[in-house]
Full PDB file with SEQRES, HELIX, SHEET, SSBOND, CRYST1, ORIGX, SCALE, CONECT and MASTER records, all heavy atoms in Angstrom:
SEQRES   1 A   38  LYS GLU LYS LYS LYS THR GLY TRP ARG ARG TYR LEU SER          
SEQRES   2 A   38  LEU LYS HIS TYR SER LEU ILE ARG GLN LEU ILE ILE VAL          
SEQRES   3 A   38  PHE SER SER LEU ALA ILE ILE PHE ILE VAL VAL ILE              
HELIX    1 AA1 GLU A    2  LEU A   12  1                                  11    
HELIX    2 AA2 LEU A   14  HIS A   16  5                                   3    
HELIX    3 AA3 LEU A   19  VAL A   36  1                                  18    
CRYST1    1.000    1.000    1.000  90.00  90.00  90.00 P 1           1          
ORIGX1      1.000000  0.000000  0.000000        0.00000                         
ORIGX2      0.000000  1.000000  0.000000        0.00000                         
ORIGX3      0.000000  0.000000  1.000000        0.00000                         
SCALE1      1.000000  0.000000  0.000000        0.00000                         
SCALE2      0.000000  1.000000  0.000000        0.00000                         
SCALE3      0.000000  0.000000  1.000000        0.00000                         
ATOM      1  N   LYS A   1      -8.248  -1.507 -20.638  1.00  0.00           N  
ATOM      2  CA  LYS A   1      -8.864  -1.705 -19.303  1.00  0.00           C  
ATOM      3  C   LYS A   1      -8.022  -2.786 -18.463  1.00  0.00           C  
ATOM      4  O   LYS A   1      -7.811  -2.624 -17.281  1.00  0.00           O  
ATOM      5  CB  LYS A   1     -10.217  -2.207 -19.442  1.00  0.00           C  
ATOM      6  CG  LYS A   1     -11.242  -1.130 -19.923  1.00  0.00           C  
ATOM      7  CD  LYS A   1     -12.579  -1.643 -19.950  1.00  0.00           C  
ATOM      8  CE  LYS A   1     -13.723  -0.611 -20.478  1.00  0.00           C  
ATOM      9  NZ  LYS A   1     -15.049  -1.062 -20.598  1.00  0.00           N  
ATOM     10  N   GLU A   2      -7.671  -3.834 -19.131  1.00  0.00           N  
ATOM     11  CA  GLU A   2      -6.863  -4.978 -18.560  1.00  0.00           C  
ATOM     12  C   GLU A   2      -5.626  -4.410 -18.037  1.00  0.00           C  
ATOM     13  O   GLU A   2      -5.072  -4.660 -16.927  1.00  0.00           O  
ATOM     14  CB  GLU A   2      -6.635  -6.062 -19.417  1.00  0.00           C  
ATOM     15  CG  GLU A   2      -6.022  -7.336 -18.839  1.00  0.00           C  
ATOM     16  CD  GLU A   2      -6.883  -7.933 -17.660  1.00  0.00           C  
ATOM     17  OE1 GLU A   2      -8.147  -7.843 -17.802  1.00  0.00           O  
ATOM     18  OE2 GLU A   2      -6.348  -8.449 -16.710  1.00  0.00           O  
ATOM     19  N   LYS A   3      -4.913  -3.489 -18.831  1.00  0.00           N  
ATOM     20  CA  LYS A   3      -3.555  -2.934 -18.481  1.00  0.00           C  
ATOM     21  C   LYS A   3      -3.759  -2.143 -17.194  1.00  0.00           C  
ATOM     22  O   LYS A   3      -2.931  -2.035 -16.330  1.00  0.00           O  
ATOM     23  CB  LYS A   3      -2.939  -2.229 -19.535  1.00  0.00           C  
ATOM     24  CG  LYS A   3      -2.490  -3.026 -20.772  1.00  0.00           C  
ATOM     25  CD  LYS A   3      -1.815  -2.234 -21.841  1.00  0.00           C  
ATOM     26  CE  LYS A   3      -1.324  -3.061 -22.982  1.00  0.00           C  
ATOM     27  NZ  LYS A   3      -0.742  -2.374 -24.081  1.00  0.00           N  
ATOM     28  N   LYS A   4      -4.863  -1.206 -17.259  1.00  0.00           N  
ATOM     29  CA  LYS A   4      -5.184  -0.347 -16.075  1.00  0.00           C  
ATOM     30  C   LYS A   4      -5.346  -1.225 -14.841  1.00  0.00           C  
ATOM     31  O   LYS A   4      -4.834  -0.805 -13.842  1.00  0.00           O  
ATOM     32  CB  LYS A   4      -6.294   0.551 -16.398  1.00  0.00           C  
ATOM     33  CG  LYS A   4      -6.104   1.603 -17.462  1.00  0.00           C  
ATOM     34  CD  LYS A   4      -7.300   2.492 -17.583  1.00  0.00           C  
ATOM     35  CE  LYS A   4      -7.040   3.629 -18.523  1.00  0.00           C  
ATOM     36  NZ  LYS A   4      -8.270   4.487 -18.796  1.00  0.00           N  
ATOM     37  N   LYS A   5      -6.086  -2.247 -14.967  1.00  0.00           N  
ATOM     38  CA  LYS A   5      -6.460  -3.122 -13.818  1.00  0.00           C  
ATOM     39  C   LYS A   5      -5.179  -3.735 -13.340  1.00  0.00           C  
ATOM     40  O   LYS A   5      -4.934  -3.716 -12.075  1.00  0.00           O  
ATOM     41  CB  LYS A   5      -7.469  -4.159 -14.302  1.00  0.00           C  
ATOM     42  CG  LYS A   5      -7.925  -5.059 -13.084  1.00  0.00           C  
ATOM     43  CD  LYS A   5      -8.856  -6.094 -13.550  1.00  0.00           C  
ATOM     44  CE  LYS A   5     -10.113  -5.562 -14.220  1.00  0.00           C  
ATOM     45  NZ  LYS A   5     -11.132  -6.621 -14.647  1.00  0.00           N  
ATOM     46  N   THR A   6      -4.309  -4.224 -14.355  1.00  0.00           N  
ATOM     47  CA  THR A   6      -3.039  -4.836 -13.866  1.00  0.00           C  
ATOM     48  C   THR A   6      -2.152  -3.716 -13.105  1.00  0.00           C  
ATOM     49  O   THR A   6      -1.432  -3.984 -12.227  1.00  0.00           O  
ATOM     50  CB  THR A   6      -2.316  -5.311 -15.012  1.00  0.00           C  
ATOM     51  OG1 THR A   6      -3.057  -6.332 -15.664  1.00  0.00           O  
ATOM     52  CG2 THR A   6      -0.932  -6.013 -14.669  1.00  0.00           C  
ATOM     53  N   GLY A   7      -2.205  -2.505 -13.698  1.00  0.00           N  
ATOM     54  CA  GLY A   7      -1.349  -1.372 -13.023  1.00  0.00           C  
ATOM     55  C   GLY A   7      -1.883  -1.164 -11.660  1.00  0.00           C  
ATOM     56  O   GLY A   7      -1.010  -0.888 -10.802  1.00  0.00           O  
ATOM     57  N   TRP A   8      -3.190  -1.156 -11.446  1.00  0.00           N  
ATOM     58  CA  TRP A   8      -3.684  -0.882 -10.086  1.00  0.00           C  
ATOM     59  C   TRP A   8      -3.279  -2.002  -9.180  1.00  0.00           C  
ATOM     60  O   TRP A   8      -2.981  -1.779  -8.017  1.00  0.00           O  
ATOM     61  CB  TRP A   8      -5.219  -0.658 -10.165  1.00  0.00           C  
ATOM     62  CG  TRP A   8      -5.602   0.710 -10.462  1.00  0.00           C  
ATOM     63  CD1 TRP A   8      -6.123   1.209 -11.578  1.00  0.00           C  
ATOM     64  CD2 TRP A   8      -5.495   1.858  -9.613  1.00  0.00           C  
ATOM     65  NE1 TRP A   8      -6.321   2.555 -11.517  1.00  0.00           N  
ATOM     66  CE2 TRP A   8      -5.978   2.995 -10.260  1.00  0.00           C  
ATOM     67  CE3 TRP A   8      -5.155   2.047  -8.266  1.00  0.00           C  
ATOM     68  CZ2 TRP A   8      -6.005   4.228  -9.683  1.00  0.00           C  
ATOM     69  CZ3 TRP A   8      -5.150   3.285  -7.725  1.00  0.00           C  
ATOM     70  CH2 TRP A   8      -5.595   4.399  -8.415  1.00  0.00           C  
ATOM     71  N   ARG A   9      -3.375  -3.191  -9.689  1.00  0.00           N  
ATOM     72  CA  ARG A   9      -2.968  -4.389  -8.860  1.00  0.00           C  
ATOM     73  C   ARG A   9      -1.554  -4.262  -8.423  1.00  0.00           C  
ATOM     74  O   ARG A   9      -1.133  -4.596  -7.400  1.00  0.00           O  
ATOM     75  CB  ARG A   9      -3.303  -5.602  -9.586  1.00  0.00           C  
ATOM     76  CG  ARG A   9      -4.676  -6.035  -9.692  1.00  0.00           C  
ATOM     77  CD  ARG A   9      -4.850  -7.315 -10.617  1.00  0.00           C  
ATOM     78  NE  ARG A   9      -6.280  -7.620 -10.779  1.00  0.00           N  
ATOM     79  CZ  ARG A   9      -6.666  -8.520 -11.644  1.00  0.00           C  
ATOM     80  NH1 ARG A   9      -5.794  -9.126 -12.380  1.00  0.00           N  
ATOM     81  NH2 ARG A   9      -7.898  -8.815 -11.801  1.00  0.00           N  
ATOM     82  N   ARG A  10      -0.687  -3.837  -9.415  1.00  0.00           N  
ATOM     83  CA  ARG A  10       0.725  -3.713  -9.129  1.00  0.00           C  
ATOM     84  C   ARG A  10       0.877  -2.565  -8.136  1.00  0.00           C  
ATOM     85  O   ARG A  10       1.759  -2.723  -7.167  1.00  0.00           O  
ATOM     86  CB  ARG A  10       1.472  -3.396 -10.387  1.00  0.00           C  
ATOM     87  CG  ARG A  10       2.978  -3.287 -10.160  1.00  0.00           C  
ATOM     88  CD  ARG A  10       3.671  -3.014 -11.477  1.00  0.00           C  
ATOM     89  NE  ARG A  10       5.169  -2.933 -11.324  1.00  0.00           N  
ATOM     90  CZ  ARG A  10       6.053  -3.934 -11.276  1.00  0.00           C  
ATOM     91  NH1 ARG A  10       5.540  -5.148 -11.439  1.00  0.00           N  
ATOM     92  NH2 ARG A  10       7.244  -3.695 -11.138  1.00  0.00           N  
ATOM     93  N   TYR A  11       0.186  -1.500  -8.193  1.00  0.00           N  
ATOM     94  CA  TYR A  11       0.257  -0.358  -7.353  1.00  0.00           C  
ATOM     95  C   TYR A  11      -0.042  -0.718  -5.962  1.00  0.00           C  
ATOM     96  O   TYR A  11       0.492  -0.216  -4.908  1.00  0.00           O  
ATOM     97  CB  TYR A  11      -0.535   0.851  -7.880  1.00  0.00           C  
ATOM     98  CG  TYR A  11      -0.528   1.969  -7.009  1.00  0.00           C  
ATOM     99  CD1 TYR A  11       0.512   2.956  -7.034  1.00  0.00           C  
ATOM    100  CD2 TYR A  11      -1.556   2.340  -6.224  1.00  0.00           C  
ATOM    101  CE1 TYR A  11       0.668   3.981  -6.231  1.00  0.00           C  
ATOM    102  CE2 TYR A  11      -1.550   3.422  -5.333  1.00  0.00           C  
ATOM    103  CZ  TYR A  11      -0.483   4.262  -5.373  1.00  0.00           C  
ATOM    104  OH  TYR A  11      -0.421   5.402  -4.533  1.00  0.00           O  
ATOM    105  N   LEU A  12      -1.181  -1.542  -5.798  1.00  0.00           N  
ATOM    106  CA  LEU A  12      -1.662  -1.842  -4.441  1.00  0.00           C  
ATOM    107  C   LEU A  12      -0.987  -2.969  -3.860  1.00  0.00           C  
ATOM    108  O   LEU A  12      -1.126  -3.256  -2.566  1.00  0.00           O  
ATOM    109  CB  LEU A  12      -3.234  -2.242  -4.516  1.00  0.00           C  
ATOM    110  CG  LEU A  12      -4.127  -1.089  -5.023  1.00  0.00           C  
ATOM    111  CD1 LEU A  12      -5.530  -1.602  -5.229  1.00  0.00           C  
ATOM    112  CD2 LEU A  12      -4.166  -0.016  -3.918  1.00  0.00           C  
ATOM    113  N   SER A  13      -0.126  -3.736  -4.663  1.00  0.00           N  
ATOM    114  CA  SER A  13       0.631  -4.908  -4.011  1.00  0.00           C  
ATOM    115  C   SER A  13       1.849  -4.362  -3.591  1.00  0.00           C  
ATOM    116  O   SER A  13       2.684  -3.782  -4.135  1.00  0.00           O  
ATOM    117  CB  SER A  13       0.892  -5.885  -5.141  1.00  0.00           C  
ATOM    118  OG  SER A  13       1.612  -6.947  -4.671  1.00  0.00           O  
ATOM    119  N   LEU A  14       2.192  -4.672  -2.272  1.00  0.00           N  
ATOM    120  CA  LEU A  14       3.390  -4.258  -1.499  1.00  0.00           C  
ATOM    121  C   LEU A  14       4.566  -4.943  -2.103  1.00  0.00           C  
ATOM    122  O   LEU A  14       5.709  -4.376  -1.883  1.00  0.00           O  
ATOM    123  CB  LEU A  14       3.190  -4.496   0.003  1.00  0.00           C  
ATOM    124  CG  LEU A  14       2.212  -3.740   0.811  1.00  0.00           C  
ATOM    125  CD1 LEU A  14       2.160  -4.184   2.254  1.00  0.00           C  
ATOM    126  CD2 LEU A  14       2.587  -2.303   0.680  1.00  0.00           C  
ATOM    127  N   LYS A  15       4.501  -6.023  -2.648  1.00  0.00           N  
ATOM    128  CA  LYS A  15       5.707  -6.918  -2.974  1.00  0.00           C  
ATOM    129  C   LYS A  15       6.509  -6.319  -4.079  1.00  0.00           C  
ATOM    130  O   LYS A  15       7.577  -6.680  -4.384  1.00  0.00           O  
ATOM    131  CB  LYS A  15       5.289  -8.289  -3.460  1.00  0.00           C  
ATOM    132  CG  LYS A  15       4.345  -8.367  -4.707  1.00  0.00           C  
ATOM    133  CD  LYS A  15       4.007  -9.867  -4.932  1.00  0.00           C  
ATOM    134  CE  LYS A  15       3.160  -9.884  -6.224  1.00  0.00           C  
ATOM    135  NZ  LYS A  15       2.668 -11.289  -6.465  1.00  0.00           N  
ATOM    136  N   HIS A  16       5.944  -5.186  -4.756  1.00  0.00           N  
ATOM    137  CA  HIS A  16       6.569  -4.556  -5.871  1.00  0.00           C  
ATOM    138  C   HIS A  16       7.414  -3.365  -5.393  1.00  0.00           C  
ATOM    139  O   HIS A  16       7.997  -2.680  -6.099  1.00  0.00           O  
ATOM    140  CB  HIS A  16       5.617  -4.063  -6.892  1.00  0.00           C  
ATOM    141  CG  HIS A  16       4.896  -5.162  -7.589  1.00  0.00           C  
ATOM    142  ND1 HIS A  16       5.477  -6.168  -8.390  1.00  0.00           N  
ATOM    143  CD2 HIS A  16       3.645  -5.669  -7.633  1.00  0.00           C  
ATOM    144  CE1 HIS A  16       4.610  -7.141  -8.791  1.00  0.00           C  
ATOM    145  NE2 HIS A  16       3.457  -6.756  -8.267  1.00  0.00           N  
ATOM    146  N   TYR A  17       7.364  -3.047  -3.985  1.00  0.00           N  
ATOM    147  CA  TYR A  17       8.222  -2.002  -3.463  1.00  0.00           C  
ATOM    148  C   TYR A  17       9.267  -2.615  -2.568  1.00  0.00           C  
ATOM    149  O   TYR A  17       9.288  -3.730  -2.274  1.00  0.00           O  
ATOM    150  CB  TYR A  17       7.169  -1.171  -2.546  1.00  0.00           C  
ATOM    151  CG  TYR A  17       6.085  -0.463  -3.296  1.00  0.00           C  
ATOM    152  CD1 TYR A  17       4.883  -1.082  -3.255  1.00  0.00           C  
ATOM    153  CD2 TYR A  17       6.320   0.651  -3.937  1.00  0.00           C  
ATOM    154  CE1 TYR A  17       3.805  -0.470  -3.931  1.00  0.00           C  
ATOM    155  CE2 TYR A  17       5.137   1.366  -4.630  1.00  0.00           C  
ATOM    156  CZ  TYR A  17       3.927   0.657  -4.625  1.00  0.00           C  
ATOM    157  OH  TYR A  17       2.949   1.309  -5.257  1.00  0.00           O  
ATOM    158  N   SER A  18      10.274  -1.706  -2.353  1.00  0.00           N  
ATOM    159  CA  SER A  18      11.388  -2.062  -1.481  1.00  0.00           C  
ATOM    160  C   SER A  18      10.914  -2.193  -0.113  1.00  0.00           C  
ATOM    161  O   SER A  18       9.788  -1.806   0.263  1.00  0.00           O  
ATOM    162  CB  SER A  18      12.413  -0.966  -1.565  1.00  0.00           C  
ATOM    163  OG  SER A  18      11.946   0.262  -0.943  1.00  0.00           O  
ATOM    164  N   LEU A  19      11.758  -2.880   0.787  1.00  0.00           N  
ATOM    165  CA  LEU A  19      11.241  -3.184   2.137  1.00  0.00           C  
ATOM    166  C   LEU A  19      11.055  -1.830   2.937  1.00  0.00           C  
ATOM    167  O   LEU A  19      10.061  -1.700   3.758  1.00  0.00           O  
ATOM    168  CB  LEU A  19      12.306  -3.948   2.938  1.00  0.00           C  
ATOM    169  CG  LEU A  19      12.312  -5.482   2.513  1.00  0.00           C  
ATOM    170  CD1 LEU A  19      13.427  -6.162   3.267  1.00  0.00           C  
ATOM    171  CD2 LEU A  19      10.983  -6.115   2.980  1.00  0.00           C  
ATOM    172  N   ILE A  20      11.896  -0.766   2.747  1.00  0.00           N  
ATOM    173  CA  ILE A  20      11.686   0.404   3.319  1.00  0.00           C  
ATOM    174  C   ILE A  20      10.384   1.074   3.041  1.00  0.00           C  
ATOM    175  O   ILE A  20       9.610   1.508   3.861  1.00  0.00           O  
ATOM    176  CB  ILE A  20      12.792   1.425   3.067  1.00  0.00           C  
ATOM    177  CG1 ILE A  20      14.214   0.859   3.912  1.00  0.00           C  
ATOM    178  CG2 ILE A  20      12.485   2.775   3.553  1.00  0.00           C  
ATOM    179  CD1 ILE A  20      14.092   1.008   5.337  1.00  0.00           C  
ATOM    180  N   ARG A  21      10.050   1.077   1.683  1.00  0.00           N  
ATOM    181  CA  ARG A  21       8.736   1.641   1.348  1.00  0.00           C  
ATOM    182  C   ARG A  21       7.580   0.746   1.812  1.00  0.00           C  
ATOM    183  O   ARG A  21       6.549   1.372   2.187  1.00  0.00           O  
ATOM    184  CB  ARG A  21       8.684   1.612  -0.334  1.00  0.00           C  
ATOM    185  CG  ARG A  21       9.486   2.760  -0.913  1.00  0.00           C  
ATOM    186  CD  ARG A  21       9.278   2.765  -2.393  1.00  0.00           C  
ATOM    187  NE  ARG A  21      10.012   3.880  -3.025  1.00  0.00           N  
ATOM    188  CZ  ARG A  21       9.970   4.264  -4.288  1.00  0.00           C  
ATOM    189  NH1 ARG A  21       9.098   3.579  -5.039  1.00  0.00           N  
ATOM    190  NH2 ARG A  21      10.659   5.192  -4.737  1.00  0.00           N  
ATOM    191  N   GLN A  22       7.767  -0.544   1.873  1.00  0.00           N  
ATOM    192  CA  GLN A  22       6.688  -1.335   2.459  1.00  0.00           C  
ATOM    193  C   GLN A  22       6.536  -0.998   3.941  1.00  0.00           C  
ATOM    194  O   GLN A  22       5.351  -0.892   4.351  1.00  0.00           O  
ATOM    195  CB  GLN A  22       7.066  -2.754   2.301  1.00  0.00           C  
ATOM    196  CG  GLN A  22       7.023  -3.416   0.882  1.00  0.00           C  
ATOM    197  CD  GLN A  22       7.381  -4.906   0.936  1.00  0.00           C  
ATOM    198  OE1 GLN A  22       6.900  -5.639   1.727  1.00  0.00           O  
ATOM    199  NE2 GLN A  22       8.038  -5.304  -0.230  1.00  0.00           N  
ATOM    200  N   LEU A  23       7.541  -0.794   4.641  1.00  0.00           N  
ATOM    201  CA  LEU A  23       7.447  -0.424   6.093  1.00  0.00           C  
ATOM    202  C   LEU A  23       6.745   0.932   6.250  1.00  0.00           C  
ATOM    203  O   LEU A  23       5.956   1.054   7.088  1.00  0.00           O  
ATOM    204  CB  LEU A  23       8.834  -0.406   6.681  1.00  0.00           C  
ATOM    205  CG  LEU A  23       9.492  -1.803   7.022  1.00  0.00           C  
ATOM    206  CD1 LEU A  23      10.907  -1.646   7.507  1.00  0.00           C  
ATOM    207  CD2 LEU A  23       8.639  -2.612   7.981  1.00  0.00           C  
ATOM    208  N   ILE A  24       7.199   1.817   5.435  1.00  0.00           N  
ATOM    209  CA  ILE A  24       6.567   3.199   5.437  1.00  0.00           C  
ATOM    210  C   ILE A  24       5.053   3.115   5.169  1.00  0.00           C  
ATOM    211  O   ILE A  24       4.188   3.682   5.839  1.00  0.00           O  
ATOM    212  CB  ILE A  24       7.176   4.194   4.495  1.00  0.00           C  
ATOM    213  CG1 ILE A  24       8.618   4.487   4.920  1.00  0.00           C  
ATOM    214  CG2 ILE A  24       6.480   5.489   4.420  1.00  0.00           C  
ATOM    215  CD1 ILE A  24       9.445   5.348   3.895  1.00  0.00           C  
ATOM    216  N   ILE A  25       4.647   2.339   4.037  1.00  0.00           N  
ATOM    217  CA  ILE A  25       3.251   2.142   3.828  1.00  0.00           C  
ATOM    218  C   ILE A  25       2.406   1.438   4.878  1.00  0.00           C  
ATOM    219  O   ILE A  25       1.385   1.920   5.283  1.00  0.00           O  
ATOM    220  CB  ILE A  25       3.113   1.388   2.424  1.00  0.00           C  
ATOM    221  CG1 ILE A  25       3.632   2.180   1.240  1.00  0.00           C  
ATOM    222  CG2 ILE A  25       1.646   0.976   2.131  1.00  0.00           C  
ATOM    223  CD1 ILE A  25       3.804   1.430  -0.036  1.00  0.00           C  
ATOM    224  N   VAL A  26       3.012   0.375   5.376  1.00  0.00           N  
ATOM    225  CA  VAL A  26       2.382  -0.375   6.502  1.00  0.00           C  
ATOM    226  C   VAL A  26       2.183   0.518   7.714  1.00  0.00           C  
ATOM    227  O   VAL A  26       1.070   0.575   8.314  1.00  0.00           O  
ATOM    228  CB  VAL A  26       3.187  -1.619   6.820  1.00  0.00           C  
ATOM    229  CG1 VAL A  26       2.645  -2.274   8.106  1.00  0.00           C  
ATOM    230  CG2 VAL A  26       3.080  -2.652   5.715  1.00  0.00           C  
ATOM    231  N   PHE A  27       3.327   1.169   8.034  1.00  0.00           N  
ATOM    232  CA  PHE A  27       3.262   2.063   9.272  1.00  0.00           C  
ATOM    233  C   PHE A  27       2.204   3.202   9.131  1.00  0.00           C  
ATOM    234  O   PHE A  27       1.455   3.552   9.976  1.00  0.00           O  
ATOM    235  CB  PHE A  27       4.566   2.640   9.711  1.00  0.00           C  
ATOM    236  CG  PHE A  27       4.606   3.597  10.890  1.00  0.00           C  
ATOM    237  CD1 PHE A  27       4.470   3.097  12.064  1.00  0.00           C  
ATOM    238  CD2 PHE A  27       4.651   4.958  10.581  1.00  0.00           C  
ATOM    239  CE1 PHE A  27       4.506   3.977  13.208  1.00  0.00           C  
ATOM    240  CE2 PHE A  27       4.565   5.825  11.706  1.00  0.00           C  
ATOM    241  CZ  PHE A  27       4.523   5.392  12.986  1.00  0.00           C  
ATOM    242  N   SER A  28       2.252   3.867   7.928  1.00  0.00           N  
ATOM    243  CA  SER A  28       1.292   5.003   7.672  1.00  0.00           C  
ATOM    244  C   SER A  28      -0.059   4.421   7.726  1.00  0.00           C  
ATOM    245  O   SER A  28      -1.030   5.093   8.225  1.00  0.00           O  
ATOM    246  CB  SER A  28       1.605   5.594   6.323  1.00  0.00           C  
ATOM    247  OG  SER A  28       2.931   6.031   6.185  1.00  0.00           O  
ATOM    248  N   SER A  29      -0.394   3.275   7.199  1.00  0.00           N  
ATOM    249  CA  SER A  29      -1.741   2.721   7.130  1.00  0.00           C  
ATOM    250  C   SER A  29      -2.165   2.451   8.623  1.00  0.00           C  
ATOM    251  O   SER A  29      -3.242   2.733   8.952  1.00  0.00           O  
ATOM    252  CB  SER A  29      -1.765   1.350   6.376  1.00  0.00           C  
ATOM    253  OG  SER A  29      -1.437   1.632   5.021  1.00  0.00           O  
ATOM    254  N   LEU A  30      -1.316   1.857   9.348  1.00  0.00           N  
ATOM    255  CA  LEU A  30      -1.594   1.557  10.721  1.00  0.00           C  
ATOM    256  C   LEU A  30      -1.916   2.899  11.478  1.00  0.00           C  
ATOM    257  O   LEU A  30      -2.784   2.919  12.415  1.00  0.00           O  
ATOM    258  CB  LEU A  30      -0.498   0.772  11.464  1.00  0.00           C  
ATOM    259  CG  LEU A  30      -0.224  -0.608  11.004  1.00  0.00           C  
ATOM    260  CD1 LEU A  30       0.828  -1.294  11.662  1.00  0.00           C  
ATOM    261  CD2 LEU A  30      -1.546  -1.449  11.300  1.00  0.00           C  
ATOM    262  N   ALA A  31      -1.081   3.915  11.255  1.00  0.00           N  
ATOM    263  CA  ALA A  31      -1.253   5.216  11.960  1.00  0.00           C  
ATOM    264  C   ALA A  31      -2.580   5.827  11.597  1.00  0.00           C  
ATOM    265  O   ALA A  31      -3.244   6.288  12.462  1.00  0.00           O  
ATOM    266  CB  ALA A  31      -0.113   6.138  11.588  1.00  0.00           C  
ATOM    267  N   ILE A  32      -2.948   5.790  10.332  1.00  0.00           N  
ATOM    268  CA  ILE A  32      -4.263   6.248   9.900  1.00  0.00           C  
ATOM    269  C   ILE A  32      -5.435   5.502  10.529  1.00  0.00           C  
ATOM    270  O   ILE A  32      -6.383   6.017  11.028  1.00  0.00           O  
ATOM    271  CB  ILE A  32      -4.347   6.235   8.348  1.00  0.00           C  
ATOM    272  CG1 ILE A  32      -3.356   7.208   7.710  1.00  0.00           C  
ATOM    273  CG2 ILE A  32      -5.806   6.521   7.891  1.00  0.00           C  
ATOM    274  CD1 ILE A  32      -3.253   7.080   6.217  1.00  0.00           C  
ATOM    275  N   ILE A  33      -5.304   4.233  10.505  1.00  0.00           N  
ATOM    276  CA  ILE A  33      -6.346   3.314  11.180  1.00  0.00           C  
ATOM    277  C   ILE A  33      -6.463   3.688  12.737  1.00  0.00           C  
ATOM    278  O   ILE A  33      -7.547   3.808  13.263  1.00  0.00           O  
ATOM    279  CB  ILE A  33      -5.974   1.849  10.964  1.00  0.00           C  
ATOM    280  CG1 ILE A  33      -6.213   1.499   9.448  1.00  0.00           C  
ATOM    281  CG2 ILE A  33      -6.944   0.983  11.822  1.00  0.00           C  
ATOM    282  CD1 ILE A  33      -5.689   0.083   9.121  1.00  0.00           C  
ATOM    283  N   PHE A  34      -5.223   3.883  13.281  1.00  0.00           N  
ATOM    284  CA  PHE A  34      -5.155   4.150  14.715  1.00  0.00           C  
ATOM    285  C   PHE A  34      -5.916   5.589  14.895  1.00  0.00           C  
ATOM    286  O   PHE A  34      -6.714   5.613  15.840  1.00  0.00           O  
ATOM    287  CB  PHE A  34      -3.769   4.256  15.198  1.00  0.00           C  
ATOM    288  CG  PHE A  34      -3.580   4.357  16.595  1.00  0.00           C  
ATOM    289  CD1 PHE A  34      -3.678   3.304  17.457  1.00  0.00           C  
ATOM    290  CD2 PHE A  34      -3.374   5.612  17.304  1.00  0.00           C  
ATOM    291  CE1 PHE A  34      -3.458   3.362  18.870  1.00  0.00           C  
ATOM    292  CE2 PHE A  34      -3.264   5.721  18.626  1.00  0.00           C  
ATOM    293  CZ  PHE A  34      -3.314   4.560  19.421  1.00  0.00           C  
ATOM    294  N   ILE A  35      -5.683   6.492  14.110  1.00  0.00           N  
ATOM    295  CA  ILE A  35      -6.253   7.866  14.329  1.00  0.00           C  
ATOM    296  C   ILE A  35      -7.722   7.801  14.046  1.00  0.00           C  
ATOM    297  O   ILE A  35      -8.595   8.432  14.773  1.00  0.00           O  
ATOM    298  CB  ILE A  35      -5.564   8.936  13.484  1.00  0.00           C  
ATOM    299  CG1 ILE A  35      -4.070   9.166  14.030  1.00  0.00           C  
ATOM    300  CG2 ILE A  35      -6.199  10.253  13.600  1.00  0.00           C  
ATOM    301  CD1 ILE A  35      -3.158   9.948  13.120  1.00  0.00           C  
ATOM    302  N   VAL A  36      -8.114   7.181  12.865  1.00  0.00           N  
ATOM    303  CA  VAL A  36      -9.484   7.258  12.479  1.00  0.00           C  
ATOM    304  C   VAL A  36     -10.417   6.290  13.224  1.00  0.00           C  
ATOM    305  O   VAL A  36     -11.543   6.659  13.472  1.00  0.00           O  
ATOM    306  CB  VAL A  36      -9.525   6.883  10.899  1.00  0.00           C  
ATOM    307  CG1 VAL A  36     -11.004   6.835  10.439  1.00  0.00           C  
ATOM    308  CG2 VAL A  36      -8.769   7.864  10.079  1.00  0.00           C  
ATOM    309  N   VAL A  37      -9.919   5.122  13.655  1.00  0.00           N  
ATOM    310  CA  VAL A  37     -10.799   4.188  14.280  1.00  0.00           C  
ATOM    311  C   VAL A  37     -10.462   4.019  15.807  1.00  0.00           C  
ATOM    312  O   VAL A  37     -11.433   4.166  16.583  1.00  0.00           O  
ATOM    313  CB  VAL A  37     -10.631   2.771  13.638  1.00  0.00           C  
ATOM    314  CG1 VAL A  37     -11.376   1.739  14.314  1.00  0.00           C  
ATOM    315  CG2 VAL A  37     -10.937   2.815  12.091  1.00  0.00           C  
ATOM    316  N   ILE A  38      -9.208   3.868  16.236  1.00  0.00           N  
ATOM    317  CA  ILE A  38      -8.923   3.531  17.535  1.00  0.00           C  
ATOM    318  C   ILE A  38      -9.225   4.735  18.402  1.00  0.00           C  
ATOM    319  O   ILE A  38      -9.718   4.597  19.495  1.00  0.00           O  
ATOM    320  CB  ILE A  38      -7.427   3.071  17.689  1.00  0.00           C  
ATOM    321  CG1 ILE A  38      -7.114   1.829  16.766  1.00  0.00           C  
ATOM    322  CG2 ILE A  38      -7.097   2.679  19.109  1.00  0.00           C  
ATOM    323  CD1 ILE A  38      -8.029   0.648  17.131  1.00  0.00           C  
TER     324      ILE A  38                                                      
MASTER        0    0    0    3    0    0    0    6  323    1    0    3          
END                                                                             
């Protein structure tokens, strides 16, 4: 369970991805929020 929890934390943490992937994730998240909420 602890390994799974650590794995999810690593998956959800942006700092474990390259900058390009971070930018894609951030932009996609903002686009989804924009479409769903704004």
